[in-house]
Amino acid sequence: MEVIYGTSNQGKVEAMKRIFRENNINLKLSTPKEIGFDEEIIEDGKTFEENSEIKANAIKKYCIKNKIKDKIIITDDAGLCIDKLNGEPGIYSARYAGKNATQIESINKILKKLENYPNMNDRSCKFVCVLTAIVLDTNEKIVSRGESLGYIAKEHGKLGGLTYGPIFIPQGFELPMSDMEEETYAKMHNHRDLALKKLISELQKKEII
């Protein structure tokens, strides 16, 4: 069985490979580009679940058209949800400050909106990741969700990596995610890792992998 992971982000690809290895699962992993899929996907859902499924169905349609079988499609949608901002930026996390906004522009928009909330209890938030898996041979769909709770820092940490990592302080820590050792964060709070571990568990229960 082979997995088609619906991303062009090499960091996400390596993270998925790592978790498969940690769970003693030997699966080949391909990206949409590697199977010839290069279509633009319009993510017009209202939830992380809807957007994740939209991506999965688009790749599934391409696979059926091109007679690609014996594979599991896995797609994700993820974002930051801030309680005081009624869940913003949520599903719009990637384009919250504009389609081509820089990381610092996205970060500054959030810091500006929260500047009247100096109390950390008013800066609670969570990172959310929803994964959708579709088994091409059976058309079975499995959805999993991972959440990492935390707070928005008053000043950003080291830039780079995940867009909002420099202002996300995981629950139980004092440093923003971007200032932490990656191994520490991955073990404790990585929303994508949490979602993937749940998904792997379901796939194993159903003896798909």
C-alpha atoms as a PDB file:
ATOM      1  CA  MET A   1       0.000   0.000   0.000  1.00  0.00           C
ATOM      2  CA  GLU A   2       1.203   3.493  -0.864  1.00  0.00           C
ATOM      3  CA  VAL A   3       0.194   6.845   0.603  1.00  0.00           C
ATOM      4  CA  ILE A   4      -0.397   9.954  -1.494  1.00  0.00           C
ATOM      5  CA  TYR A   5       0.032  12.854   0.910  1.00  0.00           C
ATOM      6  CA  GLY A   6      -1.677  15.959  -0.458  1.00  0.00           C
ATOM      7  CA  THR A   7       1.041  18.521   0.164  1.00  0.00           C
ATOM      8  CA  SER A   8       4.007  20.131  -1.545  1.00  0.00           C
ATOM      9  CA  ASN A   9       5.537  21.046   1.836  1.00  0.00           C
ATOM     10  CA  GLN A  10       8.649  18.916   2.286  1.00  0.00           C
ATOM     11  CA  GLY A  11       8.638  19.516   6.026  1.00  0.00           C
ATOM     12  CA  LYS A  12       5.196  17.917   6.314  1.00  0.00           C
ATOM     13  CA  VAL A  13       6.327  15.007   4.144  1.00  0.00           C
ATOM     14  CA  GLU A  14       9.343  14.334   6.361  1.00  0.00           C
ATOM     15  CA  ALA A  15       7.202  14.608   9.508  1.00  0.00           C
ATOM     16  CA  MET A  16       4.769  12.012   8.162  1.00  0.00           C
ATOM     17  CA  LYS A  17       7.608   9.673   7.203  1.00  0.00           C
ATOM     18  CA  ARG A  18       9.029  10.035  10.723  1.00  0.00           C
ATOM     19  CA  ILE A  19       5.761   9.097  12.393  1.00  0.00           C
ATOM     20  CA  PHE A  20       5.315   6.090  10.126  1.00  0.00           C
ATOM     21  CA  ARG A  21       8.829   4.946  11.074  1.00  0.00           C
ATOM     22  CA  GLU A  22       8.126   5.489  14.785  1.00  0.00           C
ATOM     23  CA  ASN A  23       5.083   3.222  14.432  1.00  0.00           C
ATOM     24  CA  ASN A  24       7.021   0.550  12.497  1.00  0.00           C
ATOM     25  CA  ILE A  25       4.955   1.124   9.367  1.00  0.00           C
ATOM     26  CA  ASN A  26       6.708   0.638   6.061  1.00  0.00           C
ATOM     27  CA  LEU A  27       4.745   2.594   3.475  1.00  0.00           C
ATOM     28  CA  LYS A  28       5.888   4.394   0.361  1.00  0.00           C
ATOM     29  CA  LEU A  29       4.864   8.050   0.404  1.00  0.00           C
ATOM     30  CA  SER A  30       4.230  10.115  -2.724  1.00  0.00           C
ATOM     31  CA  THR A  31       3.165  13.716  -3.231  1.00  0.00           C
ATOM     32  CA  PRO A  32       0.483  14.819  -5.718  1.00  0.00           C
ATOM     33  CA  LYS A  33       3.199  16.202  -7.986  1.00  0.00           C
ATOM     34  CA  GLU A  34       4.836  12.781  -8.142  1.00  0.00           C
ATOM     35  CA  ILE A  35       1.655  11.221  -9.514  1.00  0.00           C
ATOM     36  CA  GLY A  36       1.192  14.047 -12.038  1.00  0.00           C
ATOM     37  CA  PHE A  37      -1.480  16.006 -10.150  1.00  0.00           C
ATOM     38  CA  ASP A  38      -0.959  19.755 -10.465  1.00  0.00           C
ATOM     39  CA  GLU A  39      -4.494  21.146 -10.402  1.00  0.00           C
ATOM     40  CA  GLU A  40      -5.414  24.134  -8.249  1.00  0.00           C
ATOM     41  CA  ILE A  41      -7.822  23.117  -5.485  1.00  0.00           C
ATOM     42  CA  ILE A  42     -10.406  25.682  -4.395  1.00  0.00           C
ATOM     43  CA  GLU A  43     -10.744  25.343  -0.629  1.00  0.00           C
ATOM     44  CA  ASP A  44     -14.143  26.903  -0.071  1.00  0.00           C
ATOM     45  CA  GLY A  45     -15.268  24.870   2.931  1.00  0.00           C
ATOM     46  CA  LYS A  46     -16.411  26.429   6.200  1.00  0.00           C
ATOM     47  CA  THR A  47     -14.460  24.098   8.510  1.00  0.00           C
ATOM     48  CA  PHE A  48     -11.090  22.363   8.642  1.00  0.00           C
ATOM     49  CA  GLU A  49     -12.921  19.088   8.039  1.00  0.00           C
ATOM     50  CA  GLU A  50     -14.619  20.370   4.894  1.00  0.00           C
ATOM     51  CA  ASN A  51     -11.424  21.794   3.405  1.00  0.00           C
ATOM     52  CA  SER A  52      -9.447  18.651   4.152  1.00  0.00           C
ATOM     53  CA  GLU A  53     -12.108  16.530   2.445  1.00  0.00           C
ATOM     54  CA  ILE A  54     -12.259  18.875  -0.567  1.00  0.00           C
ATOM     55  CA  LYS A  55      -8.534  18.278  -1.128  1.00  0.00           C
ATOM     56  CA  ALA A  56      -8.890  14.510  -0.705  1.00  0.00           C
ATOM     57  CA  ASN A  57     -11.792  14.309  -3.151  1.00  0.00           C
ATOM     58  CA  ALA A  58      -9.933  16.354  -5.774  1.00  0.00           C
ATOM     59  CA  ILE A  59      -6.979  13.960  -5.682  1.00  0.00           C
ATOM     60  CA  LYS A  60      -9.331  10.960  -5.607  1.00  0.00           C
ATOM     61  CA  LYS A  61     -11.071  12.202  -8.755  1.00  0.00           C
ATOM     62  CA  TYR A  62      -7.694  12.510 -10.497  1.00  0.00           C
ATOM     63  CA  CYS A  63      -6.677   9.008  -9.381  1.00  0.00           C
ATOM     64  CA  ILE A  64      -9.896   7.451 -10.672  1.00  0.00           C
ATOM     65  CA  LYS A  65      -9.546   9.275 -13.994  1.00  0.00           C
ATOM     66  CA  ASN A  66      -5.972   8.039 -14.378  1.00  0.00           C
ATOM     67  CA  LYS A  67      -6.668   4.511 -13.091  1.00  0.00           C
ATOM     68  CA  ILE A  68      -4.407   4.939 -10.048  1.00  0.00           C
ATOM     69  CA  LYS A  69      -5.275   2.233  -7.496  1.00  0.00           C
ATOM     70  CA  ASP A  70      -3.979   0.503  -4.361  1.00  0.00           C
ATOM     71  CA  LYS A  71      -3.276   3.769  -2.568  1.00  0.00           C
ATOM     72  CA  ILE A  72      -4.434   5.771   0.442  1.00  0.00           C
ATOM     73  CA  ILE A  73      -4.946   9.498  -0.068  1.00  0.00           C
ATOM     74  CA  ILE A  74      -4.213  11.625   3.003  1.00  0.00           C
ATOM     75  CA  THR A  75      -4.855  15.376   3.051  1.00  0.00           C
ATOM     76  CA  ASP A  76      -4.890  17.948   5.800  1.00  0.00           C
ATOM     77  CA  ASP A  77      -6.173  21.368   6.714  1.00  0.00           C
ATOM     78  CA  ALA A  78      -4.780  23.207   9.687  1.00  0.00           C
ATOM     79  CA  GLY A  79      -4.767  26.587  11.373  1.00  0.00           C
ATOM     80  CA  LEU A  80      -4.638  28.678  14.507  1.00  0.00           C
ATOM     81  CA  CYS A  81      -7.825  29.436  16.445  1.00  0.00           C
ATOM     82  CA  ILE A  82      -7.773  32.262  19.026  1.00  0.00           C
ATOM     83  CA  ASP A  83     -10.550  32.299  21.616  1.00  0.00           C
ATOM     84  CA  LYS A  84     -10.794  36.092  22.089  1.00  0.00           C
ATOM     85  CA  LEU A  85     -11.022  36.520  18.300  1.00  0.00           C
ATOM     86  CA  ASN A  86     -13.948  34.105  17.987  1.00  0.00           C
ATOM     87  CA  GLY A  87     -11.739  31.411  16.497  1.00  0.00           C
ATOM     88  CA  GLU A  88      -9.842  33.626  14.047  1.00  0.00           C
ATOM     89  CA  PRO A  89      -7.824  33.197  11.943  1.00  0.00           C
ATOM     90  CA  GLY A  90      -9.091  29.586  11.776  1.00  0.00           C
ATOM     91  CA  ILE A  91      -9.489  28.209   8.256  1.00  0.00           C
ATOM     92  CA  TYR A  92      -8.150  31.505   6.919  1.00  0.00           C
ATOM     93  CA  SER A  93      -4.824  31.168   8.768  1.00  0.00           C
ATOM     94  CA  ALA A  94      -2.745  30.962   5.590  1.00  0.00           C
ATOM     95  CA  ARG A  95      -4.194  34.164   4.149  1.00  0.00           C
ATOM     96  CA  TYR A  96      -5.290  36.061   7.262  1.00  0.00           C
ATOM     97  CA  ALA A  97      -3.224  39.168   6.465  1.00  0.00           C
ATOM     98  CA  GLY A  98      -3.663  38.837   2.697  1.00  0.00           C
ATOM     99  CA  LYS A  99      -2.922  36.207   0.077  1.00  0.00           C
ATOM    100  CA  ASN A 100       0.759  37.109  -0.298  1.00  0.00           C
ATOM    101  CA  ALA A 101       1.393  38.416   3.215  1.00  0.00           C
ATOM    102  CA  THR A 102       4.744  37.738   4.844  1.00  0.00           C
ATOM    103  CA  GLN A 103       5.088  35.817   8.096  1.00  0.00           C
ATOM    104  CA  ILE A 104       5.718  38.964  10.098  1.00  0.00           C
ATOM    105  CA  GLU A 105       2.668  40.695   8.570  1.00  0.00           C
ATOM    106  CA  SER A 106       0.460  37.762   9.604  1.00  0.00           C
ATOM    107  CA  ILE A 107       1.953  37.726  13.092  1.00  0.00           C
ATOM    108  CA  ASN A 108       1.648  41.487  13.568  1.00  0.00           C
ATOM    109  CA  LYS A 109      -2.029  41.448  12.600  1.00  0.00           C
ATOM    110  CA  ILE A 110      -2.746  39.055  15.459  1.00  0.00           C
ATOM    111  CA  LEU A 111      -0.550  40.893  17.966  1.00  0.00           C
ATOM    112  CA  LYS A 112      -2.313  44.147  17.074  1.00  0.00           C
ATOM    113  CA  LYS A 113      -5.749  42.610  17.614  1.00  0.00           C
ATOM    114  CA  LEU A 114      -4.712  41.274  21.010  1.00  0.00           C
ATOM    115  CA  GLU A 115      -2.819  44.324  22.281  1.00  0.00           C
ATOM    116  CA  ASN A 116      -5.678  45.217  24.657  1.00  0.00           C
ATOM    117  CA  TYR A 117      -5.480  41.772  26.285  1.00  0.00           C
ATOM    118  CA  PRO A 118      -2.238  41.690  28.318  1.00  0.00           C
ATOM    119  CA  ASN A 119      -3.478  38.887  30.601  1.00  0.00           C
ATOM    120  CA  MET A 120      -2.287  35.535  29.244  1.00  0.00           C
ATOM    121  CA  ASN A 121      -5.609  33.935  30.196  1.00  0.00           C
ATOM    122  CA  ASP A 122      -7.201  36.206  27.587  1.00  0.00           C
ATOM    123  CA  ARG A 123      -4.727  35.030  24.937  1.00  0.00           C
ATOM    124  CA  SER A 124      -5.696  31.356  24.874  1.00  0.00           C
ATOM    125  CA  CYS A 125      -5.694  29.580  21.526  1.00  0.00           C
ATOM    126  CA  LYS A 126      -5.154  26.248  19.828  1.00  0.00           C
ATOM    127  CA  PHE A 127      -3.510  24.865  16.732  1.00  0.00           C
ATOM    128  CA  VAL A 128      -5.845  22.481  14.885  1.00  0.00           C
ATOM    129  CA  CYS A 129      -5.053  19.881  12.236  1.00  0.00           C
ATOM    130  CA  VAL A 130      -7.657  17.713  10.498  1.00  0.00           C
ATOM    131  CA  LEU A 131      -6.553  14.782   8.347  1.00  0.00           C
ATOM    132  CA  THR A 132      -8.783  13.021   5.828  1.00  0.00           C
ATOM    133  CA  ALA A 133      -7.826   9.595   4.494  1.00  0.00           C
ATOM    134  CA  ILE A 134      -9.564   7.967   1.533  1.00  0.00           C
ATOM    135  CA  VAL A 135      -8.763   4.352   0.653  1.00  0.00           C
ATOM    136  CA  LEU A 136      -9.015   4.183  -3.127  1.00  0.00           C
ATOM    137  CA  ASP A 137      -9.812   0.473  -3.316  1.00  0.00           C
ATOM    138  CA  THR A 138     -12.807   0.621  -0.968  1.00  0.00           C
ATOM    139  CA  ASN A 139     -13.699   4.338  -0.971  1.00  0.00           C
ATOM    140  CA  GLU A 140     -13.568   4.234   2.836  1.00  0.00           C
ATOM    141  CA  LYS A 141     -13.042   7.629   4.485  1.00  0.00           C
ATOM    142  CA  ILE A 142     -11.417   8.203   7.868  1.00  0.00           C
ATOM    143  CA  VAL A 143     -11.109  11.626   9.515  1.00  0.00           C
ATOM    144  CA  SER A 144      -8.922  12.499  12.505  1.00  0.00           C
ATOM    145  CA  ARG A 145      -8.345  15.738  14.395  1.00  0.00           C
ATOM    146  CA  GLY A 146      -5.407  16.876  16.498  1.00  0.00           C
ATOM    147  CA  GLU A 147      -5.369  19.951  18.724  1.00  0.00           C
ATOM    148  CA  SER A 148      -2.536  21.645  20.596  1.00  0.00           C
ATOM    149  CA  LEU A 149      -3.585  24.142  23.272  1.00  0.00           C
ATOM    150  CA  GLY A 150      -1.581  27.233  24.099  1.00  0.00           C
ATOM    151  CA  TYR A 151      -1.379  31.014  24.371  1.00  0.00           C
ATOM    152  CA  ILE A 152      -0.400  33.891  22.109  1.00  0.00           C
ATOM    153  CA  ALA A 153       2.893  35.509  23.154  1.00  0.00           C
ATOM    154  CA  LYS A 154       3.028  39.283  23.585  1.00  0.00           C
ATOM    155  CA  GLU A 155       6.109  39.467  21.360  1.00  0.00           C
ATOM    156  CA  HIS A 156       7.163  37.133  18.603  1.00  0.00           C
ATOM    157  CA  GLY A 157      10.057  34.736  18.930  1.00  0.00           C
ATOM    158  CA  LYS A 158      12.417  33.470  16.229  1.00  0.00           C
ATOM    159  CA  LEU A 159      10.900  33.833  12.773  1.00  0.00           C
ATOM    160  CA  GLY A 160      10.758  30.986  10.281  1.00  0.00           C
ATOM    161  CA  GLY A 161       9.006  27.610  10.213  1.00  0.00           C
ATOM    162  CA  LEU A 162       5.284  27.410  10.893  1.00  0.00           C
ATOM    163  CA  THR A 163       3.709  30.833  10.225  1.00  0.00           C
ATOM    164  CA  TYR A 164       2.378  31.394  13.737  1.00  0.00           C
ATOM    165  CA  GLY A 165       5.007  29.340  15.565  1.00  0.00           C
ATOM    166  CA  PRO A 166       6.846  32.490  16.757  1.00  0.00           C
ATOM    167  CA  ILE A 167       3.809  33.613  18.792  1.00  0.00           C
ATOM    168  CA  PHE A 168       2.358  30.261  19.878  1.00  0.00           C
ATOM    169  CA  ILE A 169       3.345  29.246  23.421  1.00  0.00           C
ATOM    170  CA  PRO A 170       2.305  25.604  23.983  1.00  0.00           C
ATOM    171  CA  GLN A 171       0.420  24.911  27.193  1.00  0.00           C
ATOM    172  CA  GLY A 172       2.851  24.099  29.981  1.00  0.00           C
ATOM    173  CA  PHE A 173       5.748  26.013  28.423  1.00  0.00           C
ATOM    174  CA  GLU A 174       7.029  29.577  28.569  1.00  0.00           C
ATOM    175  CA  LEU A 175       8.707  29.891  25.179  1.00  0.00           C
ATOM    176  CA  PRO A 176       7.077  30.294  21.757  1.00  0.00           C
ATOM    177  CA  MET A 177       7.115  27.137  19.676  1.00  0.00           C
ATOM    178  CA  SER A 178       9.738  28.545  17.282  1.00  0.00           C
ATOM    179  CA  ASP A 179      12.183  29.018  20.185  1.00  0.00           C
ATOM    180  CA  MET A 180      11.806  25.437  21.417  1.00  0.00           C
ATOM    181  CA  GLU A 181      13.797  22.390  20.396  1.00  0.00           C
ATOM    182  CA  GLU A 182      11.779  20.755  17.621  1.00  0.00           C
ATOM    183  CA  GLU A 183      11.975  17.356  19.310  1.00  0.00           C
ATOM    184  CA  THR A 184      10.440  18.744  22.503  1.00  0.00           C
ATOM    185  CA  TYR A 185       7.534  20.312  20.646  1.00  0.00           C
ATOM    186  CA  ALA A 186       6.927  17.253  18.459  1.00  0.00           C
ATOM    187  CA  LYS A 187       6.701  14.974  21.480  1.00  0.00           C
ATOM    188  CA  MET A 188       4.387  17.213  23.467  1.00  0.00           C
ATOM    189  CA  HIS A 189       2.222  19.378  21.326  1.00  0.00           C
ATOM    190  CA  ASN A 190       2.398  18.929  17.571  1.00  0.00           C
ATOM    191  CA  HIS A 191      -1.204  19.083  16.348  1.00  0.00           C
ATOM    192  CA  ARG A 192      -0.342  17.388  13.039  1.00  0.00           C
ATOM    193  CA  ASP A 193       1.503  14.570  14.786  1.00  0.00           C
ATOM    194  CA  LEU A 194      -1.444  14.053  17.136  1.00  0.00           C
ATOM    195  CA  ALA A 195      -3.899  13.866  14.231  1.00  0.00           C
ATOM    196  CA  LEU A 196      -1.674  11.468  12.293  1.00  0.00           C
ATOM    197  CA  LYS A 197      -1.208   9.121  15.249  1.00  0.00           C
ATOM    198  CA  LYS A 198      -4.998   8.934  15.641  1.00  0.00           C
ATOM    199  CA  LEU A 199      -5.363   8.270  11.914  1.00  0.00           C
ATOM    200  CA  ILE A 200      -2.739   5.509  11.944  1.00  0.00           C
ATOM    201  CA  SER A 201      -4.528   3.877  14.879  1.00  0.00           C
ATOM    202  CA  GLU A 202      -7.818   3.837  12.940  1.00  0.00           C
ATOM    203  CA  LEU A 203      -6.155   2.488   9.783  1.00  0.00           C
ATOM    204  CA  GLN A 204      -4.574  -0.307  11.820  1.00  0.00           C
ATOM    205  CA  LYS A 205      -7.849  -1.153  13.575  1.00  0.00           C
ATOM    206  CA  LYS A 206      -9.490  -1.584  10.202  1.00  0.00           C
ATOM    207  CA  GLU A 207      -6.469  -3.605   8.991  1.00  0.00           C
ATOM    208  CA  ILE A 208      -5.927  -1.208   6.103  1.00  0.00           C
ATOM    209  CA  ILE A 209      -2.253  -0.892   6.979  1.00  0.00           C
END
